[in-house]
Amino acid sequence: MAVGKEIRGKIKSVENTKKITKAMEMVAASKMRKAQDRMRAARPYAEKVRNIAINLGQAHPDYVHPFMQINKASAVGLIVVTTDKGLCGGLNTNVMRLITGKLRELQSEGVAAQAVAIGNKGLGFLNRIGAPVVAQVTQLGDTPHLEKLIGPVKVLLDQYAAGELQAVHIAYTRFINTMKQEAVVEQLLPLSAERMQQQARDSNVRNINWDYIYEPDAQSVIDDLLVRYVEALVYQSVAENMASEQSARMVAMKAATDNAGNVINELKLVYNKTRQAAITTELTEIVAGAAAV
């Protein structure tokens, strides 16, 4: 029964794997709820900052912030948001595929690219393809902290404000529901009143014109507000990516647990057939021996 012993060992191994994937599924389900609550809690702040930025854009002050100006530079900044850990299906692969297509498009246009990596998987991908990484942040944990994101992102924001970049794009996975996540590449800079209005209409925000009294002056208020607006967009993107990560990991681990159960059933069937064949062989040998005597 050497073959039967080997099959029993395989069954035990797959059962241990099934226990691990089941535990990871339950942990991901618990973290997913917290990540979704955190993502939804960040949306009101982002929407309020966007509404004020829209109204300031419509007010047409004398001062125009560099984030709303169009630069004629020959370089583009990319912010790549991925996960630090794997085992979450094709979540990171979809983002990397979009980034690869974007880099090829920029290369065909003769435009250089500079990248900021948020997440260990994206950093490893950018290093493998030889993309220049000007800043990075990894090991964010289960909760995004804005103070950890500001530093790396500020590198590209300062370059755009100095006129060294013609645009800044951010790639992340947008959370739609537990079973569906969508990889997207969105333009972060330059900001335009028309694009912010479109985002407001997508969020069902009423279009109301407000008149502001600036204190101390319009330039100081707009500078701080637009920087906060961009930071809110980056934070919201990271929060959406984390919620998508936990949802994708839960679905992937559930599929792995189900597959492990199917493999166990198939191995048990093979084991029973092998055991029955061995018993039949032994009975045949006994009967043959008795007949010979």
C-alpha atoms as a PDB file:
ATOM      1  CA  MET A   1       0.000   0.000   0.000  1.00  0.00           C
ATOM      2  CA  ALA A   2       2.883   2.333  -0.729  1.00  0.00           C
ATOM      3  CA  VAL A   3       0.718   4.139  -3.294  1.00  0.00           C
ATOM      4  CA  GLY A   4      -2.114   4.493  -0.776  1.00  0.00           C
ATOM      5  CA  LYS A   5       0.259   5.963   1.799  1.00  0.00           C
ATOM      6  CA  GLU A   6       1.468   8.525  -0.729  1.00  0.00           C
ATOM      7  CA  ILE A   7      -2.107   9.521  -1.554  1.00  0.00           C
ATOM      8  CA  ARG A   8      -2.937   9.878   2.152  1.00  0.00           C
ATOM      9  CA  GLY A   9       0.041  12.202   2.486  1.00  0.00           C
ATOM     10  CA  LYS A  10      -1.221  14.339  -0.404  1.00  0.00           C
ATOM     11  CA  ILE A  11      -4.698  14.496   1.137  1.00  0.00           C
ATOM     12  CA  LYS A  12      -3.246  15.639   4.470  1.00  0.00           C
ATOM     13  CA  SER A  13      -1.153  18.285   2.732  1.00  0.00           C
ATOM     14  CA  VAL A  14      -4.122  19.691   0.791  1.00  0.00           C
ATOM     15  CA  GLU A  15      -6.242  19.693   3.967  1.00  0.00           C
ATOM     16  CA  ASN A  16      -3.598  21.797   5.722  1.00  0.00           C
ATOM     17  CA  THR A  17      -3.554  24.183   2.770  1.00  0.00           C
ATOM     18  CA  LYS A  18      -7.347  24.399   2.899  1.00  0.00           C
ATOM     19  CA  LYS A  19      -7.212  25.383   6.577  1.00  0.00           C
ATOM     20  CA  ILE A  20      -4.750  28.174   5.755  1.00  0.00           C
ATOM     21  CA  THR A  21      -6.787  29.558   2.844  1.00  0.00           C
ATOM     22  CA  LYS A  22      -9.983  29.412   4.908  1.00  0.00           C
ATOM     23  CA  ALA A  23      -8.334  31.366   7.719  1.00  0.00           C
ATOM     24  CA  MET A  24      -6.992  33.949   5.249  1.00  0.00           C
ATOM     25  CA  GLU A  25     -10.467  34.279   3.733  1.00  0.00           C
ATOM     26  CA  MET A  26     -11.995  35.042   7.141  1.00  0.00           C
ATOM     27  CA  VAL A  27      -9.240  37.542   7.998  1.00  0.00           C
ATOM     28  CA  ALA A  28      -9.664  39.294   4.632  1.00  0.00           C
ATOM     29  CA  ALA A  29     -13.448  39.471   5.152  1.00  0.00           C
ATOM     30  CA  SER A  30     -12.923  41.165   8.523  1.00  0.00           C
ATOM     31  CA  LYS A  31     -10.386  43.637   7.120  1.00  0.00           C
ATOM     32  CA  MET A  32     -12.566  44.277   4.063  1.00  0.00           C
ATOM     33  CA  ARG A  33     -15.415  45.665   6.167  1.00  0.00           C
ATOM     34  CA  LYS A  34     -13.053  48.011   7.993  1.00  0.00           C
ATOM     35  CA  ALA A  35     -11.422  49.127   4.731  1.00  0.00           C
ATOM     36  CA  GLN A  36     -14.798  49.810   3.138  1.00  0.00           C
ATOM     37  CA  ASP A  37     -15.924  51.850   6.152  1.00  0.00           C
ATOM     38  CA  ARG A  38     -12.664  53.820   6.036  1.00  0.00           C
ATOM     39  CA  MET A  39     -13.061  54.444   2.299  1.00  0.00           C
ATOM     40  CA  ARG A  40     -16.654  55.644   2.684  1.00  0.00           C
ATOM     41  CA  ALA A  41     -15.707  57.850   5.624  1.00  0.00           C
ATOM     42  CA  ALA A  42     -13.115  59.664   3.470  1.00  0.00           C
ATOM     43  CA  ARG A  43     -15.562  60.450   0.667  1.00  0.00           C
ATOM     44  CA  PRO A  44     -17.461  63.350   2.353  1.00  0.00           C
ATOM     45  CA  TYR A  45     -14.215  65.253   2.991  1.00  0.00           C
ATOM     46  CA  ALA A  46     -13.015  64.712  -0.573  1.00  0.00           C
ATOM     47  CA  GLU A  47     -16.371  65.819  -1.979  1.00  0.00           C
ATOM     48  CA  LYS A  48     -16.473  68.946   0.197  1.00  0.00           C
ATOM     49  CA  VAL A  49     -12.940  69.965  -0.789  1.00  0.00           C
ATOM     50  CA  ARG A  50     -13.813  69.347  -4.450  1.00  0.00           C
ATOM     51  CA  ASN A  51     -16.940  71.503  -4.208  1.00  0.00           C
ATOM     52  CA  ILE A  52     -15.009  74.416  -2.735  1.00  0.00           C
ATOM     53  CA  ALA A  53     -12.286  74.019  -5.381  1.00  0.00           C
ATOM     54  CA  ILE A  54     -14.953  74.079  -8.106  1.00  0.00           C
ATOM     55  CA  ASN A  55     -16.497  77.245  -6.713  1.00  0.00           C
ATOM     56  CA  LEU A  56     -13.113  78.935  -6.474  1.00  0.00           C
ATOM     57  CA  GLY A  57     -12.412  77.948 -10.079  1.00  0.00           C
ATOM     58  CA  GLN A  58     -15.675  79.536 -11.174  1.00  0.00           C
ATOM     59  CA  ALA A  59     -15.010  82.681  -9.157  1.00  0.00           C
ATOM     60  CA  HIS A  60     -12.110  83.484 -11.557  1.00  0.00           C
ATOM     61  CA  PRO A  61      -9.764  85.152  -9.073  1.00  0.00           C
ATOM     62  CA  ASP A  62      -6.846  87.180 -10.305  1.00  0.00           C
ATOM     63  CA  TYR A  63      -4.409  84.489  -9.158  1.00  0.00           C
ATOM     64  CA  VAL A  64      -4.129  81.172 -11.037  1.00  0.00           C
ATOM     65  CA  HIS A  65      -2.498  78.318  -9.145  1.00  0.00           C
ATOM     66  CA  PRO A  66       0.313  76.379 -10.935  1.00  0.00           C
ATOM     67  CA  PHE A  67      -1.740  73.171 -10.565  1.00  0.00           C
ATOM     68  CA  MET A  68      -4.337  74.663 -12.928  1.00  0.00           C
ATOM     69  CA  GLN A  69      -1.822  75.801 -15.535  1.00  0.00           C
ATOM     70  CA  ILE A  70      -0.849  73.712 -18.572  1.00  0.00           C
ATOM     71  CA  ASN A  71       2.889  73.105 -18.863  1.00  0.00           C
ATOM     72  CA  LYS A  72       4.835  72.478 -22.089  1.00  0.00           C
ATOM     73  CA  ALA A  73       7.309  70.054 -20.528  1.00  0.00           C
ATOM     74  CA  SER A  74       8.498  66.794 -22.094  1.00  0.00           C
ATOM     75  CA  ALA A  75       7.960  64.552 -19.069  1.00  0.00           C
ATOM     76  CA  VAL A  76       4.980  63.015 -17.268  1.00  0.00           C
ATOM     77  CA  GLY A  77       4.636  61.840 -13.677  1.00  0.00           C
ATOM     78  CA  LEU A  78       2.964  58.552 -12.763  1.00  0.00           C
ATOM     79  CA  ILE A  79       1.741  57.568  -9.287  1.00  0.00           C
ATOM     80  CA  VAL A  80       1.343  53.780  -9.158  1.00  0.00           C
ATOM     81  CA  VAL A  81      -0.798  52.499  -6.263  1.00  0.00           C
ATOM     82  CA  THR A  82      -0.533  48.750  -5.618  1.00  0.00           C
ATOM     83  CA  THR A  83      -0.527  46.405  -2.640  1.00  0.00           C
ATOM     84  CA  ASP A  84       2.343  45.360  -0.391  1.00  0.00           C
ATOM     85  CA  LYS A  85       1.254  41.712  -0.323  1.00  0.00           C
ATOM     86  CA  GLY A  86       0.078  39.234  -2.918  1.00  0.00           C
ATOM     87  CA  LEU A  87      -2.602  36.516  -2.925  1.00  0.00           C
ATOM     88  CA  CYS A  88      -5.239  38.957  -4.160  1.00  0.00           C
ATOM     89  CA  GLY A  89      -5.991  37.592  -7.615  1.00  0.00           C
ATOM     90  CA  GLY A  90      -5.284  39.768 -10.630  1.00  0.00           C
ATOM     91  CA  LEU A  91      -5.616  43.056  -8.730  1.00  0.00           C
ATOM     92  CA  ASN A  92      -2.023  44.237  -9.187  1.00  0.00           C
ATOM     93  CA  THR A  93      -1.679  42.630 -12.610  1.00  0.00           C
ATOM     94  CA  ASN A  94      -4.498  44.767 -14.016  1.00  0.00           C
ATOM     95  CA  VAL A  95      -2.894  47.982 -12.733  1.00  0.00           C
ATOM     96  CA  MET A  96       0.512  46.959 -14.099  1.00  0.00           C
ATOM     97  CA  ARG A  97      -1.041  46.212 -17.481  1.00  0.00           C
ATOM     98  CA  LEU A  98      -2.508  49.723 -17.617  1.00  0.00           C
ATOM     99  CA  ILE A  99       0.825  51.259 -16.585  1.00  0.00           C
ATOM    100  CA  THR A 100       2.626  49.266 -19.279  1.00  0.00           C
ATOM    101  CA  GLY A 101       0.207  50.545 -21.905  1.00  0.00           C
ATOM    102  CA  LYS A 102       0.572  54.115 -20.628  1.00  0.00           C
ATOM    103  CA  LEU A 103       4.375  53.919 -20.726  1.00  0.00           C
ATOM    104  CA  ARG A 104       4.297  52.591 -24.291  1.00  0.00           C
ATOM    105  CA  GLU A 105       1.961  55.411 -25.296  1.00  0.00           C
ATOM    106  CA  LEU A 106       4.259  58.026 -23.751  1.00  0.00           C
ATOM    107  CA  GLN A 107       7.307  56.419 -25.351  1.00  0.00           C
ATOM    108  CA  SER A 108       5.683  56.552 -28.780  1.00  0.00           C
ATOM    109  CA  GLU A 109       5.048  60.261 -28.240  1.00  0.00           C
ATOM    110  CA  GLY A 110       8.638  60.872 -27.162  1.00  0.00           C
ATOM    111  CA  VAL A 111       7.644  61.813 -23.612  1.00  0.00           C
ATOM    112  CA  ALA A 112       9.696  60.667 -20.628  1.00  0.00           C
ATOM    113  CA  ALA A 113       8.060  59.253 -17.501  1.00  0.00           C
ATOM    114  CA  GLN A 114       8.876  59.533 -13.804  1.00  0.00           C
ATOM    115  CA  ALA A 115       7.123  57.264 -11.322  1.00  0.00           C
ATOM    116  CA  VAL A 116       6.213  57.257  -7.645  1.00  0.00           C
ATOM    117  CA  ALA A 117       5.524  53.784  -6.253  1.00  0.00           C
ATOM    118  CA  ILE A 118       2.976  53.321  -3.470  1.00  0.00           C
ATOM    119  CA  GLY A 119       3.085  49.657  -2.529  1.00  0.00           C
ATOM    120  CA  ASN A 120       5.743  46.959  -2.706  1.00  0.00           C
ATOM    121  CA  LYS A 121       4.298  45.156  -5.747  1.00  0.00           C
ATOM    122  CA  GLY A 122       4.296  48.289  -7.884  1.00  0.00           C
ATOM    123  CA  LEU A 123       7.834  49.169  -6.793  1.00  0.00           C
ATOM    124  CA  GLY A 124       9.117  45.758  -7.824  1.00  0.00           C
ATOM    125  CA  PHE A 125       7.298  46.002 -11.166  1.00  0.00           C
ATOM    126  CA  LEU A 126       8.707  49.456 -11.965  1.00  0.00           C
ATOM    127  CA  ASN A 127      12.222  48.290 -11.092  1.00  0.00           C
ATOM    128  CA  ARG A 128      11.882  45.241 -13.338  1.00  0.00           C
ATOM    129  CA  ILE A 129      10.833  47.258 -16.387  1.00  0.00           C
ATOM    130  CA  GLY A 130      13.498  49.899 -15.742  1.00  0.00           C
ATOM    131  CA  ALA A 131      11.149  52.831 -15.128  1.00  0.00           C
ATOM    132  CA  PRO A 132      12.736  55.724 -13.196  1.00  0.00           C
ATOM    133  CA  VAL A 133      11.324  55.757  -9.630  1.00  0.00           C
ATOM    134  CA  VAL A 134      11.832  59.146  -7.984  1.00  0.00           C
ATOM    135  CA  ALA A 135      10.081  58.280  -4.700  1.00  0.00           C
ATOM    136  CA  GLN A 136       8.461  55.334  -3.004  1.00  0.00           C
ATOM    137  CA  VAL A 137       6.478  54.309   0.055  1.00  0.00           C
ATOM    138  CA  THR A 138       5.818  50.724   1.136  1.00  0.00           C
ATOM    139  CA  GLN A 139       4.511  48.823   4.162  1.00  0.00           C
ATOM    140  CA  LEU A 140       1.509  51.103   4.665  1.00  0.00           C
ATOM    141  CA  GLY A 141      -0.279  48.465   6.708  1.00  0.00           C
ATOM    142  CA  ASP A 142      -4.047  48.092   6.766  1.00  0.00           C
ATOM    143  CA  THR A 143      -4.717  51.801   7.381  1.00  0.00           C
ATOM    144  CA  PRO A 144      -3.479  54.556   5.018  1.00  0.00           C
ATOM    145  CA  HIS A 145      -1.845  57.521   6.736  1.00  0.00           C
ATOM    146  CA  LEU A 146      -1.731  60.809   4.858  1.00  0.00           C
ATOM    147  CA  GLU A 147       1.577  61.857   6.447  1.00  0.00           C
ATOM    148  CA  LYS A 148       3.259  58.825   4.830  1.00  0.00           C
ATOM    149  CA  LEU A 149       1.811  59.646   1.400  1.00  0.00           C
ATOM    150  CA  ILE A 150       2.511  63.389   1.289  1.00  0.00           C
ATOM    151  CA  GLY A 151       6.307  63.119   1.054  1.00  0.00           C
ATOM    152  CA  PRO A 152       6.624  60.830  -2.006  1.00  0.00           C
ATOM    153  CA  VAL A 153       3.728  62.473  -3.865  1.00  0.00           C
ATOM    154  CA  LYS A 154       5.066  65.975  -3.142  1.00  0.00           C
ATOM    155  CA  VAL A 155       8.098  65.196  -5.323  1.00  0.00           C
ATOM    156  CA  LEU A 156       5.915  65.097  -8.436  1.00  0.00           C
ATOM    157  CA  LEU A 157       3.712  67.973  -7.273  1.00  0.00           C
ATOM    158  CA  ASP A 158       6.733  70.235  -6.823  1.00  0.00           C
ATOM    159  CA  GLN A 159       8.078  69.246 -10.234  1.00  0.00           C
ATOM    160  CA  TYR A 160       4.746  70.091 -11.854  1.00  0.00           C
ATOM    161  CA  ALA A 161       4.532  73.406 -10.024  1.00  0.00           C
ATOM    162  CA  ALA A 162       8.037  74.188 -11.315  1.00  0.00           C
ATOM    163  CA  GLY A 163       6.924  73.459 -14.900  1.00  0.00           C
ATOM    164  CA  GLU A 164       9.053  70.299 -15.272  1.00  0.00           C
ATOM    165  CA  LEU A 165       6.081  67.968 -15.914  1.00  0.00           C
ATOM    166  CA  GLN A 166       3.248  68.350 -18.389  1.00  0.00           C
ATOM    167  CA  ALA A 167       0.858  66.087 -16.426  1.00  0.00           C
ATOM    168  CA  VAL A 168       0.623  63.796 -13.401  1.00  0.00           C
ATOM    169  CA  HIS A 169      -1.442  60.599 -13.575  1.00  0.00           C
ATOM    170  CA  ILE A 170      -2.423  58.187 -10.821  1.00  0.00           C
ATOM    171  CA  ALA A 171      -3.108  54.471 -11.352  1.00  0.00           C
ATOM    172  CA  TYR A 172      -5.032  52.476  -8.767  1.00  0.00           C
ATOM    173  CA  THR A 173      -7.870  49.971  -8.387  1.00  0.00           C
ATOM    174  CA  ARG A 174     -11.280  51.552  -7.902  1.00  0.00           C
ATOM    175  CA  PHE A 175     -13.645  49.750  -5.548  1.00  0.00           C
ATOM    176  CA  ILE A 176     -17.056  49.100  -7.130  1.00  0.00           C
ATOM    177  CA  ASN A 177     -18.406  46.277  -4.990  1.00  0.00           C
ATOM    178  CA  THR A 178     -17.151  43.197  -3.199  1.00  0.00           C
ATOM    179  CA  MET A 179     -17.062  41.108  -6.364  1.00  0.00           C
ATOM    180  CA  LYS A 180     -15.867  43.775  -8.798  1.00  0.00           C
ATOM    181  CA  GLN A 181     -12.860  46.111  -8.788  1.00  0.00           C
ATOM    182  CA  GLU A 182     -11.691  48.225 -11.718  1.00  0.00           C
ATOM    183  CA  ALA A 183      -8.128  49.287 -12.509  1.00  0.00           C
ATOM    184  CA  VAL A 184      -8.037  52.918 -13.700  1.00  0.00           C
ATOM    185  CA  VAL A 185      -5.513  55.580 -14.710  1.00  0.00           C
ATOM    186  CA  GLU A 186      -6.741  59.101 -13.938  1.00  0.00           C
ATOM    187  CA  GLN A 187      -5.193  62.503 -14.592  1.00  0.00           C
ATOM    188  CA  LEU A 188      -4.318  64.220 -11.338  1.00  0.00           C
ATOM    189  CA  LEU A 189      -2.710  67.361 -12.747  1.00  0.00           C
ATOM    190  CA  PRO A 190      -3.356  69.787 -14.348  1.00  0.00           C
ATOM    191  CA  LEU A 191      -6.609  70.532 -12.563  1.00  0.00           C
ATOM    192  CA  SER A 192      -9.369  72.091 -14.578  1.00  0.00           C
ATOM    193  CA  ALA A 193     -12.677  73.535 -13.485  1.00  0.00           C
ATOM    194  CA  GLU A 194     -14.471  71.550 -16.208  1.00  0.00           C
ATOM    195  CA  ARG A 195     -13.091  68.211 -15.024  1.00  0.00           C
ATOM    196  CA  MET A 196     -13.887  68.967 -11.380  1.00  0.00           C
ATOM    197  CA  GLN A 197     -17.429  69.937 -12.405  1.00  0.00           C
ATOM    198  CA  GLN A 198     -17.773  66.616 -14.219  1.00  0.00           C
ATOM    199  CA  GLN A 199     -16.658  64.792 -11.075  1.00  0.00           C
ATOM    200  CA  ALA A 200     -19.195  66.760  -9.094  1.00  0.00           C
ATOM    201  CA  ARG A 201     -21.967  65.823 -11.531  1.00  0.00           C
ATOM    202  CA  ASP A 202     -20.919  62.185 -11.284  1.00  0.00           C
ATOM    203  CA  SER A 203     -21.276  62.475  -7.503  1.00  0.00           C
ATOM    204  CA  ASN A 204     -24.708  64.169  -7.818  1.00  0.00           C
ATOM    205  CA  VAL A 205     -23.453  67.434  -6.334  1.00  0.00           C
ATOM    206  CA  ARG A 206     -25.487  70.554  -7.049  1.00  0.00           C
ATOM    207  CA  ASN A 207     -23.786  73.250  -9.086  1.00  0.00           C
ATOM    208  CA  ILE A 208     -24.010  76.416  -6.997  1.00  0.00           C
ATOM    209  CA  ASN A 209     -21.920  79.551  -7.492  1.00  0.00           C
ATOM    210  CA  TRP A 210     -20.530  81.084  -4.331  1.00  0.00           C
ATOM    211  CA  ASP A 211     -18.785  84.371  -3.728  1.00  0.00           C
ATOM    212  CA  TYR A 212     -15.879  84.252  -1.257  1.00  0.00           C
ATOM    213  CA  ILE A 213     -14.125  86.786   0.914  1.00  0.00           C
ATOM    214  CA  TYR A 214     -10.464  85.774   1.067  1.00  0.00           C
ATOM    215  CA  GLU A 215      -8.486  86.071   4.283  1.00  0.00           C
ATOM    216  CA  PRO A 216      -5.599  86.856   4.226  1.00  0.00           C
ATOM    217  CA  ASP A 217      -5.665  86.830   0.410  1.00  0.00           C
ATOM    218  CA  ALA A 218      -6.859  84.725  -2.529  1.00  0.00           C
ATOM    219  CA  GLN A 219      -3.408  83.344  -3.326  1.00  0.00           C
ATOM    220  CA  SER A 220      -2.820  81.876   0.150  1.00  0.00           C
ATOM    221  CA  VAL A 221      -6.288  80.333   0.316  1.00  0.00           C
ATOM    222  CA  ILE A 222      -6.121  78.796  -3.170  1.00  0.00           C
ATOM    223  CA  ASP A 223      -2.576  77.478  -2.611  1.00  0.00           C
ATOM    224  CA  ASP A 224      -3.545  75.605   0.549  1.00  0.00           C
ATOM    225  CA  LEU A 225      -6.902  74.448  -0.771  1.00  0.00           C
ATOM    226  CA  LEU A 226      -5.675  72.953  -4.044  1.00  0.00           C
ATOM    227  CA  VAL A 227      -2.805  71.165  -2.295  1.00  0.00           C
ATOM    228  CA  ARG A 228      -5.336  69.686   0.159  1.00  0.00           C
ATOM    229  CA  TYR A 229      -7.546  68.749  -2.774  1.00  0.00           C
ATOM    230  CA  VAL A 230      -4.781  66.816  -4.527  1.00  0.00           C
ATOM    231  CA  GLU A 231      -3.782  65.151  -1.260  1.00  0.00           C
ATOM    232  CA  ALA A 232      -7.423  64.132  -0.718  1.00  0.00           C
ATOM    233  CA  LEU A 233      -7.514  62.585  -4.202  1.00  0.00           C
ATOM    234  CA  VAL A 234      -4.367  60.563  -3.496  1.00  0.00           C
ATOM    235  CA  TYR A 235      -5.619  59.437  -0.079  1.00  0.00           C
ATOM    236  CA  GLN A 236      -8.979  58.430  -1.530  1.00  0.00           C
ATOM    237  CA  SER A 237      -7.213  56.436  -4.268  1.00  0.00           C
ATOM    238  CA  VAL A 238      -5.118  54.556  -1.691  1.00  0.00           C
ATOM    239  CA  ALA A 239      -8.193  53.898   0.458  1.00  0.00           C
ATOM    240  CA  GLU A 240     -10.083  52.570  -2.570  1.00  0.00           C
ATOM    241  CA  ASN A 241      -7.116  50.371  -3.484  1.00  0.00           C
ATOM    242  CA  MET A 242      -6.952  48.914   0.042  1.00  0.00           C
ATOM    243  CA  ALA A 243     -10.671  48.130   0.048  1.00  0.00           C
ATOM    244  CA  SER A 244     -10.268  46.482  -3.362  1.00  0.00           C
ATOM    245  CA  GLU A 245      -7.265  44.510  -2.070  1.00  0.00           C
ATOM    246  CA  GLN A 246      -9.156  42.957   0.833  1.00  0.00           C
ATOM    247  CA  SER A 247     -12.181  42.186  -1.333  1.00  0.00           C
ATOM    248  CA  ALA A 248     -10.040  40.564  -4.032  1.00  0.00           C
ATOM    249  CA  ARG A 249      -8.087  38.580  -1.433  1.00  0.00           C
ATOM    250  CA  MET A 250     -11.277  37.311   0.184  1.00  0.00           C
ATOM    251  CA  VAL A 251     -12.643  36.172  -3.183  1.00  0.00           C
ATOM    252  CA  ALA A 252      -9.316  34.590  -4.172  1.00  0.00           C
ATOM    253  CA  MET A 253      -8.971  32.717  -0.887  1.00  0.00           C
ATOM    254  CA  LYS A 254     -12.562  31.485  -1.113  1.00  0.00           C
ATOM    255  CA  ALA A 255     -11.843  30.149  -4.596  1.00  0.00           C
ATOM    256  CA  ALA A 256      -8.654  28.515  -3.324  1.00  0.00           C
ATOM    257  CA  THR A 257     -10.565  26.901  -0.437  1.00  0.00           C
ATOM    258  CA  ASP A 258     -13.210  25.553  -2.817  1.00  0.00           C
ATOM    259  CA  ASN A 259     -10.536  24.213  -5.178  1.00  0.00           C
ATOM    260  CA  ALA A 260      -8.754  22.538  -2.268  1.00  0.00           C
ATOM    261  CA  GLY A 261     -12.015  20.818  -1.332  1.00  0.00           C
ATOM    262  CA  ASN A 262     -12.420  19.550  -4.892  1.00  0.00           C
ATOM    263  CA  VAL A 263      -8.835  18.257  -4.946  1.00  0.00           C
ATOM    264  CA  ILE A 264      -9.394  16.455  -1.627  1.00  0.00           C
ATOM    265  CA  ASN A 265     -12.529  14.752  -2.978  1.00  0.00           C
ATOM    266  CA  GLU A 266     -10.687  13.638  -6.102  1.00  0.00           C
ATOM    267  CA  LEU A 267      -7.748  12.297  -4.083  1.00  0.00           C
ATOM    268  CA  LYS A 268     -10.086  10.433  -1.747  1.00  0.00           C
ATOM    269  CA  LEU A 269     -11.777   8.856  -4.749  1.00  0.00           C
ATOM    270  CA  VAL A 270      -8.403   7.760  -6.169  1.00  0.00           C
ATOM    271  CA  TYR A 271      -7.374   6.445  -2.730  1.00  0.00           C
ATOM    272  CA  ASN A 272     -10.578   4.416  -2.347  1.00  0.00           C
ATOM    273  CA  LYS A 273     -10.175   2.959  -5.832  1.00  0.00           C
ATOM    274  CA  THR A 274      -6.537   2.062  -5.139  1.00  0.00           C
ATOM    275  CA  ARG A 275      -7.422   0.519  -1.784  1.00  0.00           C
ATOM    276  CA  GLN A 276     -10.276  -1.474  -3.323  1.00  0.00           C
ATOM    277  CA  ALA A 277      -7.992  -2.705  -6.102  1.00  0.00           C
ATOM    278  CA  ALA A 278      -5.418  -3.842  -3.539  1.00  0.00           C
ATOM    279  CA  ILE A 279      -8.084  -5.705  -1.545  1.00  0.00           C
ATOM    280  CA  THR A 280      -9.398  -7.375  -4.702  1.00  0.00           C
ATOM    281  CA  THR A 281      -5.872  -8.434  -5.653  1.00  0.00           C
ATOM    282  CA  GLU A 282      -5.278  -9.952  -2.221  1.00  0.00           C
ATOM    283  CA  LEU A 283      -8.592 -11.863  -2.355  1.00  0.00           C
ATOM    284  CA  THR A 284      -7.739 -13.140  -5.827  1.00  0.00           C
ATOM    285  CA  GLU A 285      -4.348 -14.381  -4.613  1.00  0.00           C
ATOM    286  CA  ILE A 286      -5.956 -16.126  -1.593  1.00  0.00           C
ATOM    287  CA  VAL A 287      -8.534 -17.859  -3.761  1.00  0.00           C
ATOM    288  CA  ALA A 288      -5.900 -18.879  -6.289  1.00  0.00           C
ATOM    289  CA  GLY A 289      -3.697 -20.276  -3.516  1.00  0.00           C
ATOM    290  CA  ALA A 290      -6.554 -22.255  -1.976  1.00  0.00           C
ATOM    291  CA  ALA A 291      -7.484 -23.704  -5.378  1.00  0.00           C
ATOM    292  CA  ALA A 292      -3.880 -24.762  -5.971  1.00  0.00           C
ATOM    293  CA  VAL A 293      -3.756 -26.596  -2.641  1.00  0.00           C
END
